[in-house]
Amino acid sequence: MSELDLSLLKRVAAECPGFQARATARALTRFYNACFKPLELTAEQFSLLVGIGAAHGASVVDLAASAGVDATTLSRGVQVLQRRGLIQAEGGRGRAGKRLSLTLSGLSLMTEALPVWERAKASLSRRLSKATLRATRQAMMDLADAAAEARPVLP
């Protein structure tokens, strides 16, 4: 077995977009979770409620495709929101057939959550500037597109 160059690991941590994206996502999730905690809402649940509200009548499969996540993973979040009475699933069968929408309770919660999101976004904007935040968002979308189009490099 060859000796591992530990300086390479430091370089990966410093240069890898995937490493940084995961660290950034975790930091943002912690920040938004803290902001939404008084509403008993997580950042993931907020995102899912936004997706359902924005694409009224979308299926789990539709939402998963637009979010770039696995439908099985997303369906677990949907089940939690259904149990809380925040969303309803109507129509067909399974993940591809049932159409999701916000309930009155879900709409009420979003009415409370959106100002919290606005204040959280404003807090980040004060730290980074609106221009930097906008450029960062664009860079993340560009990076996601590049990763989707790139061919995997196999050993």
N, C-alpha and C. Protein backbone atom coordinates (compact mmCIF):
# COMPACT_ATOMS: atom_id res chain seq x y z
N MET A 1 0.85 -1.17 0.00
CA MET A 1 0.00 0.00 0.00
C MET A 1 0.89 1.23 0.00
N SER A 2 0.57 2.20 -0.86
CA SER A 2 1.40 3.41 -0.94
C SER A 2 1.06 4.38 0.18
N GLU A 3 2.04 5.21 0.48
CA GLU A 3 1.90 6.22 1.53
C GLU A 3 1.02 7.37 1.03
N LEU A 4 0.08 7.80 1.84
CA LEU A 4 -0.82 8.89 1.49
C LEU A 4 -0.16 10.23 1.78
N ASP A 5 -0.18 11.13 0.82
CA ASP A 5 0.36 12.47 1.00
C ASP A 5 -0.72 13.31 1.68
N LEU A 6 -0.55 13.59 2.98
CA LEU A 6 -1.55 14.30 3.75
C LEU A 6 -1.74 15.74 3.26
N SER A 7 -0.72 16.30 2.63
CA SER A 7 -0.89 17.66 2.11
C SER A 7 -1.93 17.68 0.98
N LEU A 8 -2.08 16.55 0.30
CA LEU A 8 -3.10 16.46 -0.75
C LEU A 8 -4.50 16.57 -0.14
N LEU A 9 -4.70 15.97 1.03
CA LEU A 9 -6.00 16.08 1.70
C LEU A 9 -6.31 17.53 2.05
N LYS A 10 -5.30 18.26 2.50
CA LYS A 10 -5.51 19.68 2.81
C LYS A 10 -5.86 20.45 1.54
N ARG A 11 -5.24 20.09 0.44
CA ARG A 11 -5.53 20.76 -0.83
C ARG A 11 -6.96 20.46 -1.28
N VAL A 12 -7.39 19.21 -1.12
CA VAL A 12 -8.76 18.85 -1.48
C VAL A 12 -9.74 19.68 -0.65
N ALA A 13 -9.50 19.77 0.66
CA ALA A 13 -10.39 20.53 1.53
C ALA A 13 -10.43 22.00 1.12
N ALA A 14 -9.33 22.53 0.67
CA ALA A 14 -9.25 23.95 0.29
C ALA A 14 -9.79 24.23 -1.11
N GLU A 15 -9.68 23.25 -2.03
CA GLU A 15 -9.99 23.51 -3.44
C GLU A 15 -11.22 22.83 -4.00
N CYS A 16 -11.72 21.80 -3.34
CA CYS A 16 -12.80 21.00 -3.91
C CYS A 16 -14.15 21.72 -3.80
N PRO A 17 -14.78 21.98 -4.96
CA PRO A 17 -16.08 22.64 -4.91
C PRO A 17 -17.14 21.80 -4.18
N GLY A 18 -17.09 20.49 -4.32
CA GLY A 18 -18.05 19.62 -3.65
C GLY A 18 -17.89 19.67 -2.14
N PHE A 19 -16.63 19.65 -1.67
CA PHE A 19 -16.34 19.73 -0.25
C PHE A 19 -16.89 21.04 0.31
N GLN A 20 -16.62 22.13 -0.38
CA GLN A 20 -17.07 23.45 0.07
C GLN A 20 -18.59 23.58 -0.01
N ALA A 21 -19.19 23.02 -1.06
CA ALA A 21 -20.64 23.11 -1.21
C ALA A 21 -21.34 22.40 -0.06
N ARG A 22 -20.84 21.22 0.33
CA ARG A 22 -21.45 20.50 1.44
C ARG A 22 -21.28 21.26 2.76
N ALA A 23 -20.08 21.83 2.98
CA ALA A 23 -19.85 22.61 4.20
C ALA A 23 -20.75 23.84 4.22
N THR A 24 -20.89 24.49 3.08
CA THR A 24 -21.76 25.67 2.98
C THR A 24 -23.22 25.28 3.21
N ALA A 25 -23.65 24.20 2.60
CA ALA A 25 -25.04 23.75 2.77
C ALA A 25 -25.32 23.44 4.24
N ARG A 26 -24.39 22.81 4.93
CA ARG A 26 -24.60 22.50 6.35
C ARG A 26 -24.69 23.79 7.17
N ALA A 27 -23.82 24.76 6.88
CA ALA A 27 -23.85 26.04 7.62
C ALA A 27 -25.16 26.78 7.36
N LEU A 28 -25.60 26.81 6.12
CA LEU A 28 -26.86 27.48 5.80
C LEU A 28 -28.04 26.76 6.44
N THR A 29 -28.02 25.45 6.45
CA THR A 29 -29.09 24.67 7.07
C THR A 29 -29.16 24.98 8.56
N ARG A 30 -28.01 25.02 9.24
CA ARG A 30 -28.00 25.35 10.67
C ARG A 30 -28.57 26.75 10.90
N PHE A 31 -28.16 27.71 10.06
CA PHE A 31 -28.64 29.09 10.18
C PHE A 31 -30.16 29.15 10.02
N TYR A 32 -30.69 28.59 8.92
CA TYR A 32 -32.13 28.64 8.68
C TYR A 32 -32.90 27.81 9.70
N ASN A 33 -32.36 26.68 10.13
CA ASN A 33 -33.03 25.89 11.17
C ASN A 33 -33.20 26.73 12.44
N ALA A 34 -32.18 27.48 12.81
CA ALA A 34 -32.26 28.34 14.00
C ALA A 34 -33.31 29.44 13.79
N CYS A 35 -33.37 30.01 12.60
CA CYS A 35 -34.35 31.06 12.30
C CYS A 35 -35.77 30.53 12.37
N PHE A 36 -36.01 29.33 11.83
CA PHE A 36 -37.35 28.76 11.76
C PHE A 36 -37.77 27.99 13.01
N LYS A 37 -36.84 27.79 13.94
CA LYS A 37 -37.13 26.97 15.12
C LYS A 37 -38.38 27.43 15.89
N PRO A 38 -38.60 28.74 16.09
CA PRO A 38 -39.81 29.15 16.81
C PRO A 38 -41.10 28.72 16.11
N LEU A 39 -41.04 28.46 14.82
CA LEU A 39 -42.21 28.00 14.07
C LEU A 39 -42.30 26.48 14.00
N GLU A 40 -41.36 25.80 14.69
CA GLU A 40 -41.26 24.33 14.64
C GLU A 40 -41.16 23.85 13.20
N LEU A 41 -40.28 24.51 12.45
CA LEU A 41 -40.08 24.24 11.04
C LEU A 41 -38.59 24.13 10.77
N THR A 42 -38.20 23.19 9.92
CA THR A 42 -36.80 23.07 9.53
C THR A 42 -36.61 23.74 8.17
N ALA A 43 -35.36 23.98 7.85
CA ALA A 43 -35.03 24.56 6.54
C ALA A 43 -35.51 23.65 5.42
N GLU A 44 -35.35 22.36 5.60
CA GLU A 44 -35.80 21.39 4.58
C GLU A 44 -37.32 21.45 4.41
N GLN A 45 -38.04 21.51 5.52
CA GLN A 45 -39.49 21.58 5.44
C GLN A 45 -39.94 22.88 4.78
N PHE A 46 -39.28 23.99 5.13
CA PHE A 46 -39.61 25.27 4.51
C PHE A 46 -39.42 25.18 3.00
N SER A 47 -38.29 24.64 2.56
CA SER A 47 -38.03 24.50 1.13
C SER A 47 -39.08 23.64 0.44
N LEU A 48 -39.46 22.58 1.09
CA LEU A 48 -40.48 21.69 0.52
C LEU A 48 -41.84 22.39 0.43
N LEU A 49 -42.19 23.13 1.47
CA LEU A 49 -43.45 23.89 1.44
C LEU A 49 -43.43 24.95 0.35
N VAL A 50 -42.29 25.61 0.17
CA VAL A 50 -42.16 26.60 -0.91
C VAL A 50 -42.34 25.92 -2.26
N GLY A 51 -41.68 24.79 -2.44
CA GLY A 51 -41.80 24.05 -3.70
C GLY A 51 -43.22 23.61 -3.99
N ILE A 52 -43.90 23.13 -2.98
CA ILE A 52 -45.28 22.68 -3.15
C ILE A 52 -46.19 23.87 -3.44
N GLY A 53 -45.99 24.96 -2.71
CA GLY A 53 -46.82 26.14 -2.93
C GLY A 53 -46.57 26.78 -4.29
N ALA A 54 -45.32 26.79 -4.72
CA ALA A 54 -44.98 27.41 -6.00
C ALA A 54 -45.44 26.57 -7.19
N ALA A 55 -45.46 25.26 -7.02
CA ALA A 55 -45.85 24.36 -8.11
C ALA A 55 -47.12 23.62 -7.71
N HIS A 56 -48.14 24.37 -7.33
CA HIS A 56 -49.41 23.81 -6.85
C HIS A 56 -49.84 22.65 -7.77
N GLY A 57 -50.08 21.52 -7.16
CA GLY A 57 -50.53 20.36 -7.92
C GLY A 57 -49.41 19.49 -8.46
N ALA A 58 -48.16 19.81 -8.10
CA ALA A 58 -47.04 18.98 -8.55
C ALA A 58 -47.04 17.66 -7.78
N SER A 59 -46.45 16.64 -8.37
CA SER A 59 -46.31 15.36 -7.69
C SER A 59 -44.96 15.32 -6.98
N VAL A 60 -44.77 14.31 -6.14
CA VAL A 60 -43.48 14.12 -5.46
C VAL A 60 -42.38 13.96 -6.51
N VAL A 61 -42.66 13.20 -7.56
CA VAL A 61 -41.67 12.99 -8.62
C VAL A 61 -41.31 14.31 -9.29
N ASP A 62 -42.32 15.16 -9.56
CA ASP A 62 -42.07 16.48 -10.16
C ASP A 62 -41.17 17.32 -9.26
N LEU A 63 -41.53 17.37 -7.97
CA LEU A 63 -40.76 18.18 -7.02
C LEU A 63 -39.33 17.67 -6.88
N ALA A 64 -39.19 16.35 -6.82
CA ALA A 64 -37.85 15.76 -6.69
C ALA A 64 -36.99 16.12 -7.90
N ALA A 65 -37.56 16.04 -9.08
CA ALA A 65 -36.81 16.37 -10.30
C ALA A 65 -36.39 17.83 -10.29
N SER A 66 -37.28 18.72 -9.88
CA SER A 66 -36.93 20.14 -9.89
C SER A 66 -35.92 20.49 -8.80
N ALA A 67 -35.93 19.73 -7.70
CA ALA A 67 -34.99 19.99 -6.61
C ALA A 67 -33.69 19.21 -6.76
N GLY A 68 -33.65 18.26 -7.69
CA GLY A 68 -32.44 17.47 -7.89
C GLY A 68 -32.19 16.47 -6.79
N VAL A 69 -33.26 15.94 -6.19
CA VAL A 69 -33.12 14.94 -5.13
C VAL A 69 -33.90 13.69 -5.50
N ASP A 70 -33.66 12.64 -4.78
CA ASP A 70 -34.33 11.37 -5.00
C ASP A 70 -35.77 11.46 -4.49
N ALA A 71 -36.71 10.93 -5.25
CA ALA A 71 -38.13 10.98 -4.88
C ALA A 71 -38.40 10.26 -3.57
N THR A 72 -37.66 9.19 -3.28
CA THR A 72 -37.85 8.45 -2.03
C THR A 72 -37.50 9.34 -0.84
N THR A 73 -36.39 10.06 -0.96
CA THR A 73 -35.97 10.97 0.11
C THR A 73 -37.01 12.06 0.30
N LEU A 74 -37.47 12.63 -0.79
CA LEU A 74 -38.45 13.71 -0.72
C LEU A 74 -39.78 13.22 -0.16
N SER A 75 -40.15 12.01 -0.47
CA SER A 75 -41.45 11.50 0.00
C SER A 75 -41.48 11.39 1.52
N ARG A 76 -40.34 11.15 2.15
CA ARG A 76 -40.31 11.11 3.62
C ARG A 76 -40.66 12.48 4.19
N GLY A 77 -40.10 13.54 3.59
CA GLY A 77 -40.42 14.89 4.02
C GLY A 77 -41.88 15.23 3.79
N VAL A 78 -42.42 14.76 2.68
CA VAL A 78 -43.82 14.98 2.36
C VAL A 78 -44.71 14.32 3.42
N GLN A 79 -44.35 13.11 3.82
CA GLN A 79 -45.14 12.40 4.83
C GLN A 79 -45.18 13.16 6.16
N VAL A 80 -44.05 13.73 6.54
CA VAL A 80 -43.99 14.51 7.79
C VAL A 80 -44.94 15.72 7.68
N LEU A 81 -44.89 16.41 6.55
CA LEU A 81 -45.75 17.59 6.37
C LEU A 81 -47.22 17.20 6.31
N GLN A 82 -47.52 16.04 5.74
CA GLN A 82 -48.91 15.55 5.71
C GLN A 82 -49.39 15.26 7.13
N ARG A 83 -48.55 14.57 7.92
CA ARG A 83 -48.93 14.25 9.30
C ARG A 83 -49.19 15.51 10.11
N ARG A 84 -48.46 16.58 9.80
CA ARG A 84 -48.66 17.86 10.51
C ARG A 84 -49.86 18.63 9.95
N GLY A 85 -50.48 18.12 8.89
CA GLY A 85 -51.64 18.78 8.30
C GLY A 85 -51.29 20.02 7.50
N LEU A 86 -50.05 20.11 7.02
CA LEU A 86 -49.61 21.29 6.29
C LEU A 86 -49.78 21.15 4.78
N ILE A 87 -49.83 19.91 4.31
CA ILE A 87 -50.05 19.67 2.88
C ILE A 87 -51.05 18.54 2.72
N GLN A 88 -51.61 18.47 1.52
CA GLN A 88 -52.50 17.35 1.20
C GLN A 88 -52.08 16.77 -0.14
N ALA A 89 -52.33 15.48 -0.28
CA ALA A 89 -52.04 14.77 -1.52
C ALA A 89 -53.36 14.23 -2.05
N GLU A 90 -53.67 14.60 -3.29
CA GLU A 90 -54.94 14.19 -3.88
C GLU A 90 -54.71 13.57 -5.24
N GLY A 91 -55.68 12.78 -5.65
CA GLY A 91 -55.64 12.22 -6.99
C GLY A 91 -54.99 10.86 -7.02
N GLY A 92 -54.28 10.59 -8.11
CA GLY A 92 -53.69 9.30 -8.45
C GLY A 92 -53.01 8.56 -7.32
N ARG A 93 -52.28 7.56 -7.72
CA ARG A 93 -51.61 6.70 -6.75
C ARG A 93 -50.11 6.89 -6.84
N GLY A 94 -49.48 6.68 -5.71
CA GLY A 94 -48.02 6.70 -5.67
C GLY A 94 -47.43 8.09 -5.82
N ARG A 95 -46.10 8.10 -5.84
CA ARG A 95 -45.35 9.36 -5.89
C ARG A 95 -45.59 10.15 -7.16
N ALA A 96 -45.83 9.47 -8.26
CA ALA A 96 -46.00 10.16 -9.54
C ALA A 96 -47.43 10.62 -9.77
N GLY A 97 -48.39 10.02 -9.06
CA GLY A 97 -49.78 10.32 -9.34
C GLY A 97 -50.42 11.33 -8.42
N LYS A 98 -50.08 11.29 -7.14
CA LYS A 98 -50.71 12.19 -6.18
C LYS A 98 -50.22 13.61 -6.38
N ARG A 99 -51.15 14.53 -6.37
CA ARG A 99 -50.85 15.95 -6.54
C ARG A 99 -50.84 16.63 -5.18
N LEU A 100 -49.81 17.41 -4.91
CA LEU A 100 -49.62 18.02 -3.60
C LEU A 100 -50.04 19.48 -3.61
N SER A 101 -50.59 19.90 -2.48
CA SER A 101 -50.93 21.32 -2.31
C SER A 101 -50.88 21.66 -0.83
N LEU A 102 -50.73 22.94 -0.54
CA LEU A 102 -50.73 23.41 0.84
C LEU A 102 -52.16 23.41 1.37
N THR A 103 -52.31 23.02 2.62
CA THR A 103 -53.60 23.13 3.29
C THR A 103 -53.73 24.54 3.85
N LEU A 104 -54.87 24.85 4.45
CA LEU A 104 -55.03 26.15 5.10
C LEU A 104 -53.99 26.33 6.21
N SER A 105 -53.70 25.25 6.94
CA SER A 105 -52.66 25.32 7.98
C SER A 105 -51.29 25.57 7.36
N GLY A 106 -51.04 24.93 6.23
CA GLY A 106 -49.77 25.14 5.53
C GLY A 106 -49.64 26.57 5.04
N LEU A 107 -50.72 27.11 4.48
CA LEU A 107 -50.70 28.50 4.02
C LEU A 107 -50.50 29.45 5.19
N SER A 108 -51.13 29.16 6.31
CA SER A 108 -50.98 29.99 7.50
C SER A 108 -49.54 29.96 8.01
N LEU A 109 -48.95 28.77 8.04
CA LEU A 109 -47.56 28.65 8.49
C LEU A 109 -46.63 29.41 7.54
N MET A 110 -46.88 29.32 6.25
CA MET A 110 -46.03 30.03 5.29
C MET A 110 -46.19 31.55 5.43
N THR A 111 -47.37 31.99 5.82
CA THR A 111 -47.59 33.41 6.07
C THR A 111 -46.70 33.88 7.22
N GLU A 112 -46.48 33.02 8.20
CA GLU A 112 -45.57 33.34 9.31
C GLU A 112 -44.10 33.14 8.92
N ALA A 113 -43.83 32.14 8.10
CA ALA A 113 -42.45 31.77 7.79
C ALA A 113 -41.79 32.71 6.78
N LEU A 114 -42.56 33.22 5.84
CA LEU A 114 -41.95 34.07 4.80
C LEU A 114 -41.30 35.33 5.35
N PRO A 115 -41.89 36.04 6.31
CA PRO A 115 -41.17 37.17 6.89
C PRO A 115 -39.89 36.76 7.62
N VAL A 116 -39.91 35.58 8.24
CA VAL A 116 -38.70 35.07 8.88
C VAL A 116 -37.63 34.83 7.82
N TRP A 117 -38.02 34.24 6.71
CA TRP A 117 -37.08 34.01 5.61
C TRP A 117 -36.54 35.34 5.09
N GLU A 118 -37.42 36.34 4.93
CA GLU A 118 -36.98 37.67 4.46
C GLU A 118 -35.94 38.27 5.40
N ARG A 119 -36.17 38.17 6.70
CA ARG A 119 -35.21 38.71 7.68
C ARG A 119 -33.90 37.92 7.64
N ALA A 120 -34.00 36.61 7.48
CA ALA A 120 -32.79 35.79 7.41
C ALA A 120 -31.97 36.15 6.17
N LYS A 121 -32.65 36.29 5.04
CA LYS A 121 -31.97 36.68 3.80
C LYS A 121 -31.34 38.06 3.94
N ALA A 122 -32.06 38.99 4.56
CA ALA A 122 -31.53 40.34 4.78
C ALA A 122 -30.29 40.29 5.67
N SER A 123 -30.31 39.42 6.66
CA SER A 123 -29.15 39.27 7.55
C SER A 123 -27.92 38.80 6.76
N LEU A 124 -28.13 37.82 5.88
CA LEU A 124 -27.02 37.36 5.04
C LEU A 124 -26.58 38.45 4.07
N SER A 125 -27.53 39.21 3.54
CA SER A 125 -27.21 40.29 2.60
C SER A 125 -26.38 41.37 3.28
N ARG A 126 -26.68 41.65 4.53
CA ARG A 126 -25.88 42.66 5.26
C ARG A 126 -24.45 42.18 5.46
N ARG A 127 -24.28 40.87 5.63
CA ARG A 127 -22.94 40.31 5.84
C ARG A 127 -22.15 40.23 4.54
N LEU A 128 -22.84 39.97 3.43
CA LEU A 128 -22.17 39.73 2.16
C LEU A 128 -22.36 40.82 1.12
N SER A 129 -23.40 41.57 1.20
CA SER A 129 -23.90 42.53 0.21
C SER A 129 -24.82 41.80 -0.74
N LYS A 130 -25.80 42.52 -1.23
CA LYS A 130 -26.77 41.92 -2.14
C LYS A 130 -26.09 41.44 -3.41
N ALA A 131 -25.12 42.21 -3.89
CA ALA A 131 -24.42 41.84 -5.13
C ALA A 131 -23.65 40.53 -4.95
N THR A 132 -22.96 40.39 -3.83
CA THR A 132 -22.19 39.16 -3.58
C THR A 132 -23.13 37.98 -3.41
N LEU A 133 -24.24 38.19 -2.72
CA LEU A 133 -25.21 37.11 -2.54
C LEU A 133 -25.78 36.68 -3.90
N ARG A 134 -26.10 37.65 -4.74
CA ARG A 134 -26.63 37.35 -6.09
C ARG A 134 -25.58 36.60 -6.91
N ALA A 135 -24.33 37.06 -6.87
CA ALA A 135 -23.26 36.40 -7.63
C ALA A 135 -23.01 34.98 -7.10
N THR A 136 -23.11 34.81 -5.80
CA THR A 136 -22.92 33.49 -5.21
C THR A 136 -24.01 32.53 -5.66
N ARG A 137 -25.26 33.02 -5.65
CA ARG A 137 -26.38 32.20 -6.11
C ARG A 137 -26.18 31.78 -7.56
N GLN A 138 -25.73 32.73 -8.40
CA GLN A 138 -25.50 32.42 -9.82
C GLN A 138 -24.35 31.41 -9.96
N ALA A 139 -23.30 31.59 -9.18
CA ALA A 139 -22.17 30.65 -9.24
C ALA A 139 -22.60 29.25 -8.83
N MET A 140 -23.47 29.15 -7.82
CA MET A 140 -23.95 27.83 -7.40
C MET A 140 -24.78 27.18 -8.50
N MET A 141 -25.61 27.96 -9.17
CA MET A 141 -26.42 27.41 -10.27
C MET A 141 -25.50 26.97 -11.42
N ASP A 142 -24.49 27.77 -11.72
CA ASP A 142 -23.54 27.41 -12.78
C ASP A 142 -22.78 26.14 -12.43
N LEU A 143 -22.37 26.03 -11.17
CA LEU A 143 -21.65 24.84 -10.72
C LEU A 143 -22.54 23.61 -10.79
N ALA A 144 -23.81 23.74 -10.41
CA ALA A 144 -24.75 22.61 -10.50
C ALA A 144 -24.93 22.18 -11.94
N ASP A 145 -25.05 23.15 -12.85
CA ASP A 145 -25.18 22.83 -14.28
C ASP A 145 -23.94 22.11 -14.79
N ALA A 146 -22.76 22.61 -14.40
CA ALA A 146 -21.50 21.99 -14.84
C ALA A 146 -21.41 20.55 -14.33
N ALA A 147 -21.80 20.33 -13.07
CA ALA A 147 -21.74 18.98 -12.51
C ALA A 147 -22.73 18.05 -13.21
N ALA A 148 -23.89 18.59 -13.57
CA ALA A 148 -24.90 17.76 -14.26
C ALA A 148 -24.43 17.37 -15.64
N GLU A 149 -23.65 18.21 -16.29
CA GLU A 149 -23.19 17.96 -17.66
C GLU A 149 -21.86 17.21 -17.73
N ALA A 150 -21.10 17.23 -16.64
CA ALA A 150 -19.77 16.61 -16.65
C ALA A 150 -19.90 15.08 -16.63
N ARG A 151 -18.94 14.43 -17.28
CA ARG A 151 -18.89 12.97 -17.25
C ARG A 151 -18.11 12.56 -16.03
N PRO A 152 -18.61 11.56 -15.30
CA PRO A 152 -17.88 11.09 -14.12
C PRO A 152 -16.48 10.58 -14.50
N VAL A 153 -15.53 10.85 -13.62
CA VAL A 153 -14.15 10.36 -13.79
C VAL A 153 -14.01 9.15 -12.90
N LEU A 154 -13.82 8.00 -13.50
CA LEU A 154 -13.76 6.74 -12.75
C LEU A 154 -12.32 6.32 -12.54
N PRO A 155 -12.07 5.58 -11.44
CA PRO A 155 -10.70 5.12 -11.16
C PRO A 155 -10.19 4.14 -12.20
